[in-house]
Amino acid sequence: MTTSYEKLAQQAIDLAKKAGATDAICHVSRSKSTEIKAENGEQKTYEGPSEHGIALTVFKGKKLASVEGVDLSVEGLTRLADRAVAMAEYTAENPYAGLSESSQWAKPVDLGKVDSKPLMDASALKALAGQMSVRASAVKGVTKGTCYASTSYGESVTANSNGLLVSGEGTYTSLTASALVGAGDDTFMAYWGDAQRHAEDLEPWEFIVDEAVRRSLSMLGAAPIKNPREMPVFFDEKMSTVLLRQFMSGISGDAVFNKSTFLKDALSTEVFNPNITITDDPLVVRGLGSRYCDSQGVAMQKRELVTQGVLNEWLLTIGSGKKLGLPSNGFASGTSNLTLSNGFMTRDDLLNVEEGFLVTGLMGTGANIMTGDYSCGAQGFLIKDGKIDRPIKGVTIAGHLSDMYKQLTQADDLKMRGATNAPTCYVGPMKVSAA
C-alpha cells in the first residue's frame, strides 16, 4: 500500500504545480483500529473502517495555503490542488515559509515500530477486555470496572517538490482500566493503562487492573486541607510528565519569537538545578514516539534539551527556525521520546518531610507559560513524617514555574512506559489551599 501512496503524494504535488504552485508538500496516510470496551463484564466492540486522508500545502512564492481531503481519485486530487492554489492567492506573504532541502533529510532507519506478531483480532481483544473488567468489578468496594483493549495500524507518506519522499508504518496495542469506587459525595475513579508498539512489551493486564483499583480505593475519604499553608509539594511520576510537557511548550520556537513564554531569554542559562537533564530521543527502537524525521522531512537525532540544568536549544521547525535565524532541529511533529533524568535517592527518601503534599492528579492546565504563574486544582495525599497520612482532594496548589524548575529534584523511580517519562519529583514549597 505504501508504494501506491508514494505515487499519490507525488501526483498531488505535480497537480499543484500544474495549477500554479511554485512548491508543495503532501502527506498521505491510512489507519485502521479496533477497540473493545468492557464494563462490569459486558463488552462493546468498535471496529473502525480503514481510514485514509491527504493533506496538501502549496506555496505561491511566499504565499501558502493548506487543504485536506479523503478523495484520492485523480479527480479528487485535482480538485484539492486547484482549491489549495486558489486559496493561496488570497493569503498574506509569509517570509518564513519553506520546504526542507536534501541536506536536511535523513536516511531511513528501522525503529521496530511494527509488531513482529499479528495484532490481536476483535475476538481476542473482547476476551481480554472482558477478563480485565471482571477482575476490576470483583474487588470489594468497586461499583463499576471499565476496561479498554485496542489495536491500531497506520502508514503514511510525506513528499515535497524538492524531491523528499519518506514513508513509515507503525502499530499500537493499548490496555486501560478504570475503577469507580465509593458512593454519594465520596466517589472516585482512577485509571491505569499502557500502550506499546509490540503487544509483548505491555505491562501484565492483571497489574494494569490492580493498579487502577488500588489508586481508586486509596482516595476514598479524601477531603480538602482546612488551613491554607505553604508546604513541600511532590508530583508522582504521571504528574511529573505533565510538568515536563508544559516546559516543552515554553521552549517552542514560535513562543520564543512571539515573546509568549517567560523562558524567552533562558537559552544557555541554568533553568533547572544541576541534577536535571532532559533528553529527547527519536531513535529508540520500539519507542512510542520514535521517528527518524519530522513532518517536514527534517532528520531527527537524540538531543539533550537540558544538560545539568542548562537549556541548550529551542524546539524549532523550518518556519520558527527562520524567525530566530536558526536551522530547524526537527521538531515540526513535536517531541518524540522525552525523558527527565532519573534521580539519586529513593522515593521514600525524597518524601521524607515533616509535612508535604504528594500530587497524583491535576485539574485544569494550571501553567501560564507567558508569565510563569502556576495555579492548578490538585488531588493526592498528605504526607506526615515521611509517610502517607490521608487522601486529599479539592485543593489548589500555587507557585511560579521558575521556582518549581529551580528546585525540581527527582527520585530514582523512573520507568519508561510511554512517549514522555519522568520520575517522582519534588517541585518545591507551594501554597496549598482549598479550591
Protein backbone atom coordinates (compact mmCIF):
# COMPACT_ATOMS: atom_id res chain seq x y z
CA MET A 1 0.00 0.00 0.00
CA THR A 2 2.86 2.42 0.79
CA THR A 3 4.13 2.34 -2.81
CA SER A 4 0.73 3.44 -4.16
CA TYR A 5 0.59 6.22 -1.52
CA GLU A 6 4.01 7.44 -2.63
CA LYS A 7 2.65 7.75 -6.17
CA LEU A 8 -0.45 9.58 -4.90
CA ALA A 9 1.64 12.07 -2.93
CA GLN A 10 3.83 12.81 -5.93
CA GLN A 11 0.79 13.06 -8.16
CA ALA A 12 -0.81 15.64 -5.85
CA ILE A 13 2.39 17.72 -5.91
CA ASP A 14 2.54 17.55 -9.71
CA LEU A 15 -1.09 18.64 -9.96
CA ALA A 16 -0.45 21.54 -7.58
CA LYS A 17 2.48 22.75 -9.65
CA LYS A 18 0.41 22.39 -12.81
CA ALA A 19 -2.25 24.57 -11.15
CA GLY A 20 0.31 27.32 -10.49
CA ALA A 21 2.07 26.41 -7.23
CA THR A 22 5.80 27.08 -7.02
CA ASP A 23 6.28 24.38 -4.37
CA ALA A 24 4.23 21.89 -2.37
CA ILE A 25 4.39 19.32 0.42
CA CYS A 26 1.97 16.42 0.72
CA HIS A 27 1.09 13.88 3.42
CA VAL A 28 -0.95 10.75 2.64
CA SER A 29 -1.97 8.39 5.43
CA ARG A 30 -4.11 5.37 6.22
CA SER A 31 -5.10 3.85 9.55
CA LYS A 32 -7.28 1.10 10.96
CA SER A 33 -8.19 0.47 14.59
CA THR A 34 -10.24 -1.90 16.72
CA GLU A 35 -11.34 -1.07 20.27
CA ILE A 36 -13.25 -3.12 22.82
CA LYS A 37 -14.92 -1.55 25.86
CA ALA A 38 -15.95 -3.84 28.70
CA GLU A 39 -17.96 -2.58 31.67
CA ASN A 40 -18.73 -4.91 34.55
CA GLY A 41 -18.06 -7.81 32.19
CA GLU A 42 -20.27 -6.58 29.31
CA GLN A 43 -18.37 -5.83 26.10
CA LYS A 44 -18.91 -3.39 23.27
CA THR A 45 -16.91 -3.52 20.04
CA TYR A 46 -15.83 -0.67 17.84
CA GLU A 47 -14.00 -1.75 14.72
CA GLY A 48 -13.14 1.34 12.76
CA PRO A 49 -13.09 1.28 8.98
CA SER A 50 -9.81 1.66 7.17
CA GLU A 51 -9.49 5.44 7.01
CA HIS A 52 -7.26 7.34 4.63
CA GLY A 53 -6.62 11.01 4.05
CA ILE A 54 -4.42 13.53 2.33
CA ALA A 55 -3.06 16.91 3.43
CA LEU A 56 -1.58 19.27 0.85
CA THR A 57 0.25 22.55 1.45
CA VAL A 58 1.03 24.68 -1.59
CA PHE A 59 3.27 27.71 -2.00
CA LYS A 60 2.95 30.55 -4.47
CA GLY A 61 6.15 32.39 -3.79
CA LYS A 62 5.86 33.29 -0.11
CA LYS A 63 2.10 32.77 0.00
CA LEU A 64 0.79 29.40 1.14
CA ALA A 65 -2.41 27.51 1.87
CA SER A 66 -3.21 24.09 3.28
CA VAL A 67 -6.14 21.79 2.49
CA GLU A 68 -7.18 18.28 3.46
CA GLY A 69 -9.31 15.64 1.79
CA VAL A 70 -10.23 11.96 1.59
CA ASP A 71 -10.88 11.58 -2.15
CA LEU A 72 -7.74 10.00 -3.59
CA SER A 73 -9.01 9.67 -7.14
CA VAL A 74 -7.36 11.71 -9.90
CA GLU A 75 -10.40 13.96 -9.97
CA GLY A 76 -10.32 14.38 -6.19
CA LEU A 77 -6.61 15.21 -6.17
CA THR A 78 -7.11 17.71 -8.99
CA ARG A 79 -9.89 19.49 -7.11
CA LEU A 80 -7.78 19.52 -3.95
CA ALA A 81 -4.76 21.02 -5.73
CA ASP A 82 -6.86 23.64 -7.53
CA ARG A 83 -8.55 24.66 -4.30
CA ALA A 84 -5.27 24.98 -2.44
CA VAL A 85 -3.66 27.14 -5.14
CA ALA A 86 -6.76 29.34 -5.35
CA MET A 87 -6.72 29.85 -1.57
CA ALA A 88 -3.04 30.76 -1.60
CA GLU A 89 -3.78 33.71 -3.86
CA TYR A 90 -5.68 35.38 -1.01
CA THR A 91 -3.24 34.80 1.84
CA ALA A 92 -0.63 37.22 3.10
CA GLU A 93 3.01 36.54 2.31
CA ASN A 94 4.89 34.52 4.90
CA PRO A 95 8.62 35.29 4.67
CA TYR A 96 9.41 32.32 6.92
CA ALA A 97 7.64 29.66 4.86
CA GLY A 98 9.64 27.00 3.08
CA LEU A 99 10.39 23.34 2.46
CA SER A 100 13.14 21.11 3.78
CA GLU A 101 16.06 20.52 1.45
CA SER A 102 18.10 17.41 0.74
CA SER A 103 20.89 18.44 3.13
CA GLN A 104 18.36 18.22 5.99
CA TRP A 105 16.93 14.80 5.17
CA ALA A 106 17.59 11.54 6.98
CA LYS A 107 18.33 8.06 5.77
CA PRO A 108 15.53 5.61 6.66
CA VAL A 109 16.07 3.71 9.91
CA ASP A 110 14.18 0.62 11.06
CA LEU A 111 12.94 1.54 14.53
CA GLY A 112 10.87 -1.58 15.13
CA LYS A 113 7.58 0.31 15.01
CA VAL A 114 5.56 -2.61 13.59
CA ASP A 115 4.64 -5.52 15.86
CA SER A 116 6.53 -8.63 14.77
CA LYS A 117 3.44 -10.70 15.61
CA PRO A 118 -0.09 -10.32 14.17
CA LEU A 119 -2.23 -7.81 16.06
CA MET A 120 -4.97 -9.25 18.27
CA ASP A 121 -8.26 -9.52 16.42
CA ALA A 122 -11.61 -8.33 17.77
CA SER A 123 -12.41 -11.66 19.45
CA ALA A 124 -9.09 -11.76 21.31
CA LEU A 125 -9.45 -8.12 22.38
CA LYS A 126 -13.00 -8.81 23.53
CA ALA A 127 -11.90 -11.71 25.70
CA LEU A 128 -9.07 -9.70 27.22
CA ALA A 129 -11.15 -6.60 27.96
CA GLY A 130 -13.81 -8.84 29.50
CA GLN A 131 -11.27 -10.51 31.78
CA MET A 132 -9.96 -7.14 32.87
CA SER A 133 -13.41 -5.78 33.64
CA VAL A 134 -14.44 -8.86 35.61
CA ARG A 135 -11.27 -8.65 37.69
CA ALA A 136 -11.85 -4.97 38.48
CA SER A 137 -15.54 -5.38 39.27
CA ALA A 138 -14.89 -8.33 41.60
CA VAL A 139 -12.93 -6.21 44.09
CA LYS A 140 -14.88 -5.20 47.17
CA GLY A 141 -15.74 -1.50 47.03
CA VAL A 142 -15.65 -1.23 43.23
CA THR A 143 -19.05 -0.29 41.82
CA LYS A 144 -18.00 -0.22 38.17
CA GLY A 145 -14.94 -1.56 36.39
CA THR A 146 -14.46 -0.20 32.87
CA CYS A 147 -11.66 -1.52 30.68
CA TYR A 148 -10.49 -0.97 27.11
CA ALA A 149 -8.35 -3.09 24.82
CA SER A 150 -7.41 -1.74 21.41
CA THR A 151 -5.07 -2.16 18.48
CA SER A 152 -4.26 0.10 15.57
CA TYR A 153 -2.14 0.12 12.45
CA GLY A 154 -1.15 3.14 10.41
CA GLU A 155 1.06 4.06 7.50
CA SER A 156 1.99 7.40 5.98
CA VAL A 157 3.96 9.03 3.19
CA THR A 158 5.41 12.54 3.06
CA ALA A 159 6.73 14.10 -0.14
CA ASN A 160 7.71 17.59 -1.25
CA SER A 161 8.59 19.29 -4.51
CA ASN A 162 12.30 19.34 -3.62
CA GLY A 163 12.36 15.56 -4.01
CA LEU A 164 11.65 14.46 -0.45
CA LEU A 165 9.94 11.08 -0.21
CA VAL A 166 9.67 9.31 3.15
CA SER A 167 7.30 6.62 4.31
CA GLY A 168 6.60 4.82 7.54
CA GLU A 169 4.23 2.48 9.32
CA GLY A 170 3.51 1.56 12.90
CA THR A 171 1.31 -0.43 15.25
CA TYR A 172 -0.08 0.19 18.72
CA THR A 173 -1.70 -2.08 21.27
CA SER A 174 -3.12 -0.49 24.41
CA LEU A 175 -4.86 -1.65 27.59
CA THR A 176 -6.62 0.70 30.00
CA ALA A 177 -8.56 0.06 33.19
CA SER A 178 -10.60 2.34 35.45
CA ALA A 179 -12.47 1.64 38.68
CA LEU A 180 -15.35 3.63 40.16
CA VAL A 181 -15.48 3.36 43.95
CA GLY A 182 -17.48 4.86 46.80
CA ALA A 183 -20.94 6.40 46.90
CA GLY A 184 -22.56 9.81 47.15
CA ASP A 185 -20.09 12.64 47.66
CA ASP A 186 -17.32 10.16 48.38
CA THR A 187 -16.90 8.65 44.93
CA PHE A 188 -13.71 8.43 42.97
CA MET A 189 -12.44 6.91 39.74
CA ALA A 190 -8.80 6.43 38.81
CA TYR A 191 -7.30 4.68 35.82
CA TRP A 192 -4.12 2.98 34.71
CA GLY A 193 -3.01 1.89 31.28
CA ASP A 194 -0.19 1.03 28.97
CA ALA A 195 0.40 1.33 25.23
CA GLN A 196 3.20 -0.25 23.23
CA ARG A 197 4.23 -0.78 19.63
CA HIS A 198 4.58 -4.52 20.34
CA ALA A 199 1.92 -6.23 22.44
CA GLU A 200 4.52 -8.38 24.21
CA ASP A 201 6.02 -5.22 25.77
CA LEU A 202 2.79 -4.33 27.61
CA GLU A 203 2.59 -4.43 31.38
CA PRO A 204 0.62 -7.51 32.50
CA TRP A 205 -3.10 -6.87 32.23
CA GLU A 206 -3.58 -8.02 35.82
CA PHE A 207 -1.18 -5.32 37.02
CA ILE A 208 -2.97 -2.66 34.97
CA VAL A 209 -6.33 -3.56 36.54
CA ASP A 210 -4.94 -3.87 40.06
CA GLU A 211 -3.16 -0.52 39.83
CA ALA A 212 -6.32 1.25 38.67
CA VAL A 213 -8.28 -0.32 41.55
CA ARG A 214 -5.57 0.49 44.09
CA ARG A 215 -5.44 4.13 43.02
CA SER A 216 -9.21 4.47 43.21
CA LEU A 217 -9.63 2.83 46.62
CA SER A 218 -6.74 4.81 48.09
CA MET A 219 -8.66 8.07 47.51
CA LEU A 220 -11.78 7.10 49.46
CA GLY A 221 -12.42 9.54 52.28
CA ALA A 222 -10.45 12.33 50.59
CA ALA A 223 -11.07 15.85 51.91
CA PRO A 224 -9.52 19.30 51.39
CA ILE A 225 -6.86 20.80 53.60
CA LYS A 226 -8.66 23.08 56.07
CA ASN A 227 -5.94 25.66 56.74
CA PRO A 228 -4.18 27.17 53.69
CA ARG A 229 -0.43 26.95 54.09
CA GLU A 230 2.86 26.57 52.27
CA MET A 231 4.32 23.09 52.25
CA PRO A 232 6.67 20.90 50.20
CA VAL A 233 4.88 19.59 47.10
CA PHE A 234 5.76 16.45 45.16
CA PHE A 235 4.47 15.20 41.79
CA ASP A 236 4.18 11.46 41.24
CA GLU A 237 5.63 10.06 38.03
CA LYS A 238 2.48 10.67 35.97
CA MET A 239 2.10 14.27 37.12
CA SER A 240 5.82 14.95 36.57
CA THR A 241 5.28 14.20 32.88
CA VAL A 242 2.59 16.92 32.78
CA LEU A 243 5.11 19.43 34.13
CA LEU A 244 7.65 18.25 31.56
CA ARG A 245 5.25 18.70 28.65
CA GLN A 246 4.37 22.20 29.87
CA PHE A 247 8.06 23.06 29.83
CA MET A 248 8.23 21.95 26.19
CA SER A 249 5.51 24.43 25.23
CA GLY A 250 7.60 27.16 26.85
CA ILE A 251 10.66 26.48 24.68
CA SER A 252 8.96 26.22 21.29
CA GLY A 253 10.47 28.48 18.66
CA ASP A 254 7.19 30.22 17.88
CA ALA A 255 6.56 31.01 21.56
CA VAL A 256 10.06 32.47 21.85
CA PHE A 257 9.68 34.56 18.68
CA ASN A 258 6.26 35.83 19.77
CA LYS A 259 7.59 36.55 23.28
CA SER A 260 4.72 34.50 24.66
CA THR A 261 6.87 32.49 27.07
CA PHE A 262 8.57 33.56 30.27
CA LEU A 263 11.55 31.47 29.10
CA LYS A 264 12.24 33.67 26.05
CA ASP A 265 15.66 34.74 27.38
CA ALA A 266 16.58 31.43 29.01
CA LEU A 267 18.74 29.85 26.28
CA SER A 268 22.17 28.78 27.63
CA THR A 269 21.14 29.66 31.19
CA GLU A 270 20.53 27.43 34.20
CA VAL A 271 16.77 26.89 34.25
CA PHE A 272 16.81 23.77 36.46
CA ASN A 273 19.12 22.62 39.21
CA PRO A 274 22.30 20.83 38.02
CA ASN A 275 20.83 17.37 38.69
CA ILE A 276 18.36 17.77 35.84
CA THR A 277 18.97 16.54 32.29
CA ILE A 278 16.12 16.36 29.76
CA THR A 279 16.59 14.20 26.67
CA ASP A 280 14.54 13.71 23.52
CA ASP A 281 15.49 10.53 21.67
CA PRO A 282 13.57 9.78 18.45
CA LEU A 283 15.65 6.70 17.63
CA VAL A 284 14.55 4.41 20.48
CA VAL A 285 13.76 1.02 18.99
CA ARG A 286 10.05 0.24 19.59
CA GLY A 287 9.57 3.68 21.17
CA LEU A 288 6.04 5.09 21.07
CA GLY A 289 7.31 8.44 19.76
CA SER A 290 10.13 7.13 17.58
CA ARG A 291 10.70 8.54 14.10
CA TYR A 292 13.76 9.37 12.07
CA CYS A 293 12.39 12.60 10.62
CA ASP A 294 9.69 15.14 11.43
CA SER A 295 6.62 16.01 9.35
CA GLN A 296 8.68 18.44 7.26
CA GLY A 297 11.24 15.76 6.42
CA VAL A 298 13.99 17.16 8.66
CA ALA A 299 16.24 14.50 10.18
CA MET A 300 15.86 13.93 13.90
CA GLN A 301 18.52 12.85 16.38
CA LYS A 302 18.94 12.33 20.09
CA ARG A 303 19.19 15.73 21.79
CA GLU A 304 19.86 16.86 25.33
CA LEU A 305 17.48 19.79 25.53
CA VAL A 306 18.66 20.46 29.08
CA THR A 307 22.06 19.38 30.39
CA GLN A 308 22.81 19.65 34.10
CA GLY A 309 20.09 22.27 34.40
CA VAL A 310 21.18 24.40 31.41
CA LEU A 311 18.75 24.93 28.49
CA ASN A 312 20.59 24.03 25.27
CA GLU A 313 18.13 24.71 22.45
CA TRP A 314 14.65 25.67 21.36
CA LEU A 315 12.19 23.32 19.66
CA LEU A 316 12.35 24.51 16.06
CA THR A 317 10.53 23.91 12.79
CA ILE A 318 11.64 25.30 9.44
CA GLY A 319 9.43 28.37 9.93
CA SER A 320 10.20 29.09 13.59
CA GLY A 321 13.87 28.46 12.94
CA LYS A 322 13.92 31.09 10.20
CA LYS A 323 12.19 33.54 12.53
CA LEU A 324 15.01 33.14 15.03
CA GLY A 325 17.80 32.89 12.48
CA LEU A 326 18.43 29.21 13.29
CA PRO A 327 18.09 25.96 11.34
CA SER A 328 15.26 23.56 12.12
CA ASN A 329 16.25 20.88 14.62
CA GLY A 330 13.42 18.52 13.64
CA PHE A 331 10.55 19.37 15.97
CA ALA A 332 7.76 20.02 13.44
CA SER A 333 6.00 16.96 14.89
CA GLY A 334 6.78 17.89 18.49
CA THR A 335 8.96 15.87 20.82
CA SER A 336 9.43 12.12 20.35
CA ASN A 337 10.57 10.03 23.33
CA LEU A 338 11.05 12.65 26.03
CA THR A 339 12.72 11.79 29.34
CA LEU A 340 13.54 13.63 32.55
CA SER A 341 16.65 12.03 34.04
CA ASN A 342 16.42 9.64 36.96
CA GLY A 343 17.38 10.82 40.44
CA PHE A 344 19.80 9.57 43.06
CA MET A 345 17.51 8.94 46.04
CA THR A 346 14.64 6.59 46.69
CA ARG A 347 11.07 7.80 46.55
CA ASP A 348 10.77 7.22 50.31
CA ASP A 349 13.83 9.37 50.96
CA LEU A 350 12.50 12.11 48.67
CA LEU A 351 9.18 12.14 50.55
CA ASN A 352 10.84 12.16 53.96
CA VAL A 353 9.46 15.52 55.16
CA GLU A 354 7.58 16.55 58.27
CA GLU A 355 4.57 17.61 56.22
CA GLY A 356 4.04 17.67 52.47
CA PHE A 357 1.63 17.02 49.61
CA LEU A 358 2.08 14.24 47.03
CA VAL A 359 0.10 15.20 43.92
CA THR A 360 -1.37 12.29 41.96
CA GLY A 361 -3.94 14.21 39.91
CA LEU A 362 -4.27 17.69 38.40
CA MET A 363 -7.36 19.54 37.18
CA GLY A 364 -7.04 22.23 34.52
CA THR A 365 -3.98 23.45 32.62
CA GLY A 366 -2.51 25.28 35.62
CA ALA A 367 0.53 26.79 33.92
CA ASN A 368 0.60 30.26 32.35
CA ILE A 369 3.58 29.89 30.05
CA MET A 370 3.66 33.59 29.23
CA THR A 371 4.11 34.72 32.86
CA GLY A 372 5.27 31.52 34.55
CA ASP A 373 2.47 31.72 37.11
CA TYR A 374 1.20 28.33 38.22
CA SER A 375 -2.14 27.60 39.88
CA CYS A 376 -3.91 24.31 39.48
CA GLY A 377 -6.54 22.12 41.12
CA ALA A 378 -4.97 19.02 42.64
CA GLN A 379 -5.59 15.81 44.50
CA GLY A 380 -3.28 13.31 46.16
CA PHE A 381 -2.02 12.55 49.63
CA LEU A 382 -0.95 14.47 52.70
CA ILE A 383 2.45 13.36 53.95
CA LYS A 384 3.22 13.34 57.69
CA ASP A 385 6.67 12.46 58.98
CA GLY A 386 7.64 10.91 55.66
CA LYS A 387 4.57 8.64 55.47
CA ILE A 388 1.29 8.81 53.54
CA ASP A 389 -1.24 10.20 56.02
CA ARG A 390 -4.57 10.63 54.21
CA PRO A 391 -6.03 11.37 50.75
CA ILE A 392 -6.67 14.98 49.73
CA LYS A 393 -8.98 16.42 47.09
CA GLY A 394 -10.46 19.81 46.25
CA VAL A 395 -7.29 21.86 46.76
CA THR A 396 -5.32 24.35 44.70
CA ILE A 397 -1.54 24.48 44.52
CA ALA A 398 0.08 27.77 43.52
CA GLY A 399 3.59 28.97 42.78
CA HIS A 400 5.83 30.07 39.89
CA LEU A 401 7.30 27.76 37.27
CA SER A 402 10.77 29.32 37.52
CA ASP A 403 10.89 28.41 41.23
CA MET A 404 9.49 24.94 40.55
CA TYR A 405 12.12 24.28 37.86
CA LYS A 406 14.99 25.53 40.01
CA GLN A 407 14.01 23.30 42.93
CA LEU A 408 12.98 20.25 40.92
CA THR A 409 14.57 17.15 42.47
CA GLN A 410 13.97 13.61 41.25
CA ALA A 411 13.56 10.26 42.92
CA ASP A 412 15.12 7.17 41.36
CA ASP A 413 11.82 5.57 40.28
CA LEU A 414 11.89 6.43 36.56
CA LYS A 415 10.06 3.85 34.42
CA MET A 416 9.88 4.01 30.62
CA ARG A 417 6.23 3.34 29.81
CA GLY A 418 5.23 5.97 27.24
CA ALA A 419 6.48 8.72 24.95
CA THR A 420 7.04 11.11 27.89
CA ASN A 421 8.62 9.78 31.08
CA ALA A 422 9.74 11.24 34.40
CA PRO A 423 10.30 10.03 37.97
CA THR A 424 8.54 11.27 41.09
CA CYS A 425 9.72 14.84 41.67
CA TYR A 426 9.91 17.43 44.45
CA VAL A 427 8.78 20.75 42.99
CA GLY A 428 9.49 22.98 45.99
CA PRO A 429 7.32 24.70 48.60
CA MET A 430 3.97 25.82 47.20
CA LYS A 431 0.84 27.35 48.68
CA VAL A 432 -1.80 24.68 49.21
CA SER A 433 -5.39 25.81 49.88
CA ALA A 434 -8.97 24.65 49.49
CA ALA A 435 -10.22 25.20 45.94
